[in-house]
């Protein structure tokens, strides 16, 4: 991954920049998890309501 290589290069130069890259990677992963789990949770909730009423 290009971002990982960049982080490795940045670590030698600047700790703050490395921290920012790490934060960006973590936030990206977190956003991906939310993006996947939100529709999944919505579908499960919808199915639960449908089964409860039906």
PDB file of N, CA and C in Angstrom:
ATOM      1  N   UNK A   1       0.841  -1.194   0.000  1.00  0.00           N
ATOM      2  CA  UNK A   1       0.000   0.000   0.000  1.00  0.00           C
ATOM      3  C   UNK A   1       0.881   1.251   0.000  1.00  0.00           C
ATOM      4  N   UNK A   2       0.517   2.226  -0.796  1.00  0.00           N
ATOM      5  CA  UNK A   2       1.321   3.433  -0.940  1.00  0.00           C
ATOM      6  C   UNK A   2       1.333   4.263   0.345  1.00  0.00           C
ATOM      7  N   UNK A   3       0.198   4.294   1.027  1.00  0.00           N
ATOM      8  CA  UNK A   3       0.069   5.088   2.246  1.00  0.00           C
ATOM      9  C   UNK A   3       0.998   4.567   3.337  1.00  0.00           C
ATOM     10  N   UNK A   4       1.142   3.257   3.404  1.00  0.00           N
ATOM     11  CA  UNK A   4       2.005   2.645   4.409  1.00  0.00           C
ATOM     12  C   UNK A   4       3.472   2.993   4.145  1.00  0.00           C
ATOM     13  N   UNK A   5       3.846   2.976   2.866  1.00  0.00           N
ATOM     14  CA  UNK A   5       5.215   3.330   2.488  1.00  0.00           C
ATOM     15  C   UNK A   5       5.489   4.796   2.833  1.00  0.00           C
ATOM     16  N   UNK A   6       4.483   5.645   2.574  1.00  0.00           N
ATOM     17  CA  UNK A   6       4.597   7.062   2.890  1.00  0.00           C
ATOM     18  C   UNK A   6       4.765   7.258   4.396  1.00  0.00           C
ATOM     19  N   UNK A   7       3.994   6.505   5.174  1.00  0.00           N
ATOM     20  CA  UNK A   7       4.071   6.601   6.629  1.00  0.00           C
ATOM     21  C   UNK A   7       5.454   6.193   7.128  1.00  0.00           C
ATOM     22  N   UNK A   8       6.021   5.165   6.500  1.00  0.00           N
ATOM     23  CA  UNK A   8       7.343   4.691   6.896  1.00  0.00           C
ATOM     24  C   UNK A   8       8.405   5.751   6.608  1.00  0.00           C
ATOM     25  N   UNK A   9       8.236   6.445   5.465  1.00  0.00           N
ATOM     26  CA  UNK A   9       9.185   7.494   5.101  1.00  0.00           C
ATOM     27  C   UNK A   9       9.037   8.698   6.034  1.00  0.00           C
ATOM     28  N   UNK A  10       7.784   9.024   6.341  1.00  0.00           N
ATOM     29  CA  UNK A  10       7.494  10.184   7.185  1.00  0.00           C
ATOM     30  C   UNK A  10       8.006   9.981   8.606  1.00  0.00           C
ATOM     31  N   UNK A  11       7.948   8.751   9.090  1.00  0.00           N
ATOM     32  CA  UNK A  11       8.362   8.451  10.460  1.00  0.00           C
ATOM     33  C   UNK A  11       9.809   8.894  10.712  1.00  0.00           C
ATOM     34  N   UNK A  12      10.650   8.735   9.690  1.00  0.00           N
ATOM     35  CA  UNK A  12      12.049   9.152   9.826  1.00  0.00           C
ATOM     36  C   UNK A  12      12.151  10.676   9.880  1.00  0.00           C
ATOM     37  N   UNK A  13      11.292  11.359   9.127  1.00  0.00           N
ATOM     38  CA  UNK A  13      11.396  12.812   9.013  1.00  0.00           C
ATOM     39  C   UNK A  13      10.693  13.540  10.147  1.00  0.00           C
ATOM     40  N   UNK A  14       9.403  13.292  10.285  1.00  0.00           N
ATOM     41  CA  UNK A  14       8.594  14.135  11.160  1.00  0.00           C
ATOM     42  C   UNK A  14       7.568  13.291  11.905  1.00  0.00           C
ATOM     43  N   UNK A  15       7.605  13.371  13.219  1.00  0.00           N
ATOM     44  CA  UNK A  15       6.708  12.572  14.051  1.00  0.00           C
ATOM     45  C   UNK A  15       5.267  13.062  13.929  1.00  0.00           C
ATOM     46  N   UNK A  16       5.090  14.372  13.810  1.00  0.00           N
ATOM     47  CA  UNK A  16       3.752  14.957  13.704  1.00  0.00           C
ATOM     48  C   UNK A  16       3.074  14.517  12.409  1.00  0.00           C
ATOM     49  N   UNK A  17       3.835  14.572  11.323  1.00  0.00           N
ATOM     50  CA  UNK A  17       3.298  14.139  10.030  1.00  0.00           C
ATOM     51  C   UNK A  17       2.912  12.666  10.066  1.00  0.00           C
ATOM     52  N   UNK A  18       3.763  11.868  10.711  1.00  0.00           N
ATOM     53  CA  UNK A  18       3.485  10.434  10.849  1.00  0.00           C
ATOM     54  C   UNK A  18       2.199  10.218  11.637  1.00  0.00           C
ATOM     55  N   UNK A  19       2.029  11.011  12.708  1.00  0.00           N
ATOM     56  CA  UNK A  19       0.821  10.911  13.528  1.00  0.00           C
ATOM     57  C   UNK A  19      -0.417  11.265  12.707  1.00  0.00           C
ATOM     58  N   UNK A  20      -0.285  12.275  11.855  1.00  0.00           N
ATOM     59  CA  UNK A  20      -1.401  12.687  11.001  1.00  0.00           C
ATOM     60  C   UNK A  20      -1.763  11.598   9.998  1.00  0.00           C
ATOM     61  N   UNK A  21      -0.731  10.971   9.423  1.00  0.00           N
ATOM     62  CA  UNK A  21      -0.965   9.882   8.470  1.00  0.00           C
ATOM     63  C   UNK A  21      -1.635   8.707   9.165  1.00  0.00           C
ATOM     64  N   UNK A  22      -1.156   8.389  10.373  1.00  0.00           N
ATOM     65  CA  UNK A  22      -1.747   7.303  11.159  1.00  0.00           C
ATOM     66  C   UNK A  22      -3.213   7.604  11.475  1.00  0.00           C
ATOM     67  N   UNK A  23      -3.486   8.853  11.862  1.00  0.00           N
ATOM     68  CA  UNK A  23      -4.851   9.268  12.177  1.00  0.00           C
ATOM     69  C   UNK A  23      -5.748   9.151  10.944  1.00  0.00           C
ATOM     70  N   UNK A  24      -5.209   9.541   9.789  1.00  0.00           N
ATOM     71  CA  UNK A  24      -5.962   9.462   8.535  1.00  0.00           C
ATOM     72  C   UNK A  24      -6.285   8.009   8.187  1.00  0.00           C
ATOM     73  N   UNK A  25      -5.295   7.114   8.385  1.00  0.00           N
ATOM     74  CA  UNK A  25      -5.499   5.689   8.112  1.00  0.00           C
ATOM     75  C   UNK A  25      -6.544   5.098   9.053  1.00  0.00           C
ATOM     76  N   UNK A  26      -6.441   5.459  10.334  1.00  0.00           N
ATOM     77  CA  UNK A  26      -7.387   4.957  11.332  1.00  0.00           C
ATOM     78  C   UNK A  26      -8.794   5.456  11.032  1.00  0.00           C
ATOM     79  N   UNK A  27      -8.906   6.757  10.699  1.00  0.00           N
ATOM     80  CA  UNK A  27     -10.196   7.347  10.388  1.00  0.00           C
ATOM     81  C   UNK A  27     -10.797   6.716   9.138  1.00  0.00           C
ATOM     82  N   UNK A  28      -9.948   6.435   8.158  1.00  0.00           N
ATOM     83  CA  UNK A  28     -10.401   5.783   6.924  1.00  0.00           C
ATOM     84  C   UNK A  28     -10.969   4.405   7.197  1.00  0.00           C
ATOM     85  N   UNK A  29     -10.274   3.640   8.034  1.00  0.00           N
ATOM     86  CA  UNK A  29     -10.749   2.312   8.412  1.00  0.00           C
ATOM     87  C   UNK A  29     -12.048   2.382   9.185  1.00  0.00           C
ATOM     88  N   UNK A  30     -12.126   3.366  10.092  1.00  0.00           N
ATOM     89  CA  UNK A  30     -13.322   3.556  10.908  1.00  0.00           C
ATOM     90  C   UNK A  30     -14.513   3.930  10.031  1.00  0.00           C
ATOM     91  N   UNK A  31     -14.270   4.826   9.064  1.00  0.00           N
ATOM     92  CA  UNK A  31     -15.324   5.255   8.142  1.00  0.00           C
ATOM     93  C   UNK A  31     -15.820   4.080   7.304  1.00  0.00           C
ATOM     94  N   UNK A  32     -14.886   3.212   6.900  1.00  0.00           N
ATOM     95  CA  UNK A  32     -15.235   2.028   6.112  1.00  0.00           C
ATOM     96  C   UNK A  32     -16.124   1.093   6.920  1.00  0.00           C
ATOM     97  N   UNK A  33     -15.760   0.885   8.193  1.00  0.00           N
ATOM     98  CA  UNK A  33     -16.548   0.021   9.080  1.00  0.00           C
ATOM     99  C   UNK A  33     -17.952   0.585   9.261  1.00  0.00           C
ATOM    100  N   UNK A  34     -18.051   1.907   9.463  1.00  0.00           N
ATOM    101  CA  UNK A  34     -19.356   2.554   9.625  1.00  0.00           C
ATOM    102  C   UNK A  34     -20.179   2.398   8.348  1.00  0.00           C
ATOM    103  N   UNK A  35     -19.513   2.599   7.209  1.00  0.00           N
ATOM    104  CA  UNK A  35     -20.182   2.514   5.911  1.00  0.00           C
ATOM    105  C   UNK A  35     -20.771   1.125   5.681  1.00  0.00           C
ATOM    106  N   UNK A  36     -20.070   0.101   6.166  1.00  0.00           N
ATOM    107  CA  UNK A  36     -20.541  -1.273   6.000  1.00  0.00           C
ATOM    108  C   UNK A  36     -21.612  -1.620   7.031  1.00  0.00           C
ATOM    109  N   UNK A  37     -21.385  -1.233   8.291  1.00  0.00           N
ATOM    110  CA  UNK A  37     -22.250  -1.675   9.386  1.00  0.00           C
ATOM    111  C   UNK A  37     -23.565  -0.900   9.458  1.00  0.00           C
ATOM    112  N   UNK A  38     -23.577   0.341   8.957  1.00  0.00           N
ATOM    113  CA  UNK A  38     -24.788   1.160   9.046  1.00  0.00           C
ATOM    114  C   UNK A  38     -25.929   0.590   8.202  1.00  0.00           C
ATOM    115  N   UNK A  39     -25.711   0.315   6.896  1.00  0.00           N
ATOM    116  CA  UNK A  39     -26.786  -0.300   6.105  1.00  0.00           C
ATOM    117  C   UNK A  39     -27.175  -1.682   6.616  1.00  0.00           C
ATOM    118  N   UNK A  40     -26.182  -2.432   7.099  1.00  0.00           N
ATOM    119  CA  UNK A  40     -26.429  -3.769   7.629  1.00  0.00           C
ATOM    120  C   UNK A  40     -27.343  -3.689   8.849  1.00  0.00           C
ATOM    121  N   UNK A  41     -27.040  -2.762   9.746  1.00  0.00           N
ATOM    122  CA  UNK A  41     -27.860  -2.550  10.937  1.00  0.00           C
ATOM    123  C   UNK A  41     -29.264  -2.088  10.573  1.00  0.00           C
ATOM    124  N   UNK A  42     -29.353  -1.229   9.553  1.00  0.00           N
ATOM    125  CA  UNK A  42     -30.648  -0.724   9.101  1.00  0.00           C
ATOM    126  C   UNK A  42     -31.507  -1.857   8.549  1.00  0.00           C
ATOM    127  N   UNK A  43     -30.876  -2.738   7.767  1.00  0.00           N
ATOM    128  CA  UNK A  43     -31.581  -3.891   7.190  1.00  0.00           C
ATOM    129  C   UNK A  43     -32.056  -4.832   8.291  1.00  0.00           C
ATOM    130  N   UNK A  44     -31.198  -5.069   9.290  1.00  0.00           N
ATOM    131  CA  UNK A  44     -31.565  -5.936  10.410  1.00  0.00           C
ATOM    132  C   UNK A  44     -32.731  -5.346  11.203  1.00  0.00           C
ATOM    133  N   UNK A  45     -32.684  -4.028  11.419  1.00  0.00           N
ATOM    134  CA  UNK A  45     -33.760  -3.340  12.138  1.00  0.00           C
ATOM    135  C   UNK A  45     -35.069  -3.439  11.357  1.00  0.00           C
ATOM    136  N   UNK A  46     -34.972  -3.239  10.051  1.00  0.00           N
ATOM    137  CA  UNK A  46     -36.137  -3.312   9.174  1.00  0.00           C
ATOM    138  C   UNK A  46     -36.743  -4.715   9.202  1.00  0.00           C
ATOM    139  N   UNK A  47     -35.879  -5.734   9.142  1.00  0.00           N
ATOM    140  CA  UNK A  47     -36.325  -7.124   9.187  1.00  0.00           C
ATOM    141  C   UNK A  47     -36.989  -7.436  10.524  1.00  0.00           C
ATOM    142  N   UNK A  48     -36.422  -6.914  11.604  1.00  0.00           N
ATOM    143  CA  UNK A  48     -36.972  -7.133  12.941  1.00  0.00           C
ATOM    144  C   UNK A  48     -38.373  -6.534  13.069  1.00  0.00           C
ATOM    145  N   UNK A  49     -38.519  -5.296  12.597  1.00  0.00           N
ATOM    146  CA  UNK A  49     -39.822  -4.616  12.642  1.00  0.00           C
ATOM    147  C   UNK A  49     -40.838  -5.349  11.771  1.00  0.00           C
ATOM    148  N   UNK A  50     -40.388  -5.789  10.593  1.00  0.00           N
ATOM    149  CA  UNK A  50     -41.263  -6.488   9.658  1.00  0.00           C
ATOM    150  C   UNK A  50     -41.761  -7.801  10.256  1.00  0.00           C
ATOM    151  N   UNK A  51     -40.858  -8.549  10.891  1.00  0.00           N
ATOM    152  CA  UNK A  51     -41.221  -9.823  11.506  1.00  0.00           C
ATOM    153  C   UNK A  51     -42.123  -9.614  12.723  1.00  0.00           C
ATOM    154  N   UNK A  52     -41.871  -8.541  13.456  1.00  0.00           N
ATOM    155  CA  UNK A  52     -42.655  -8.242  14.659  1.00  0.00           C
ATOM    156  C   UNK A  52     -44.105  -7.897  14.282  1.00  0.00           C
ATOM    157  N   UNK A  53     -44.247  -7.128  13.211  1.00  0.00           N
ATOM    158  CA  UNK A  53     -45.581  -6.717  12.779  1.00  0.00           C
ATOM    159  C   UNK A  53     -46.288  -7.811  11.987  1.00  0.00           C
ATOM    160  N   UNK A  54     -45.506  -8.563  11.187  1.00  0.00           N
ATOM    161  CA  UNK A  54     -46.076  -9.502  10.238  1.00  0.00           C
ATOM    162  C   UNK A  54     -46.442 -10.825  10.858  1.00  0.00           C
TER     163      UNK A  54
END
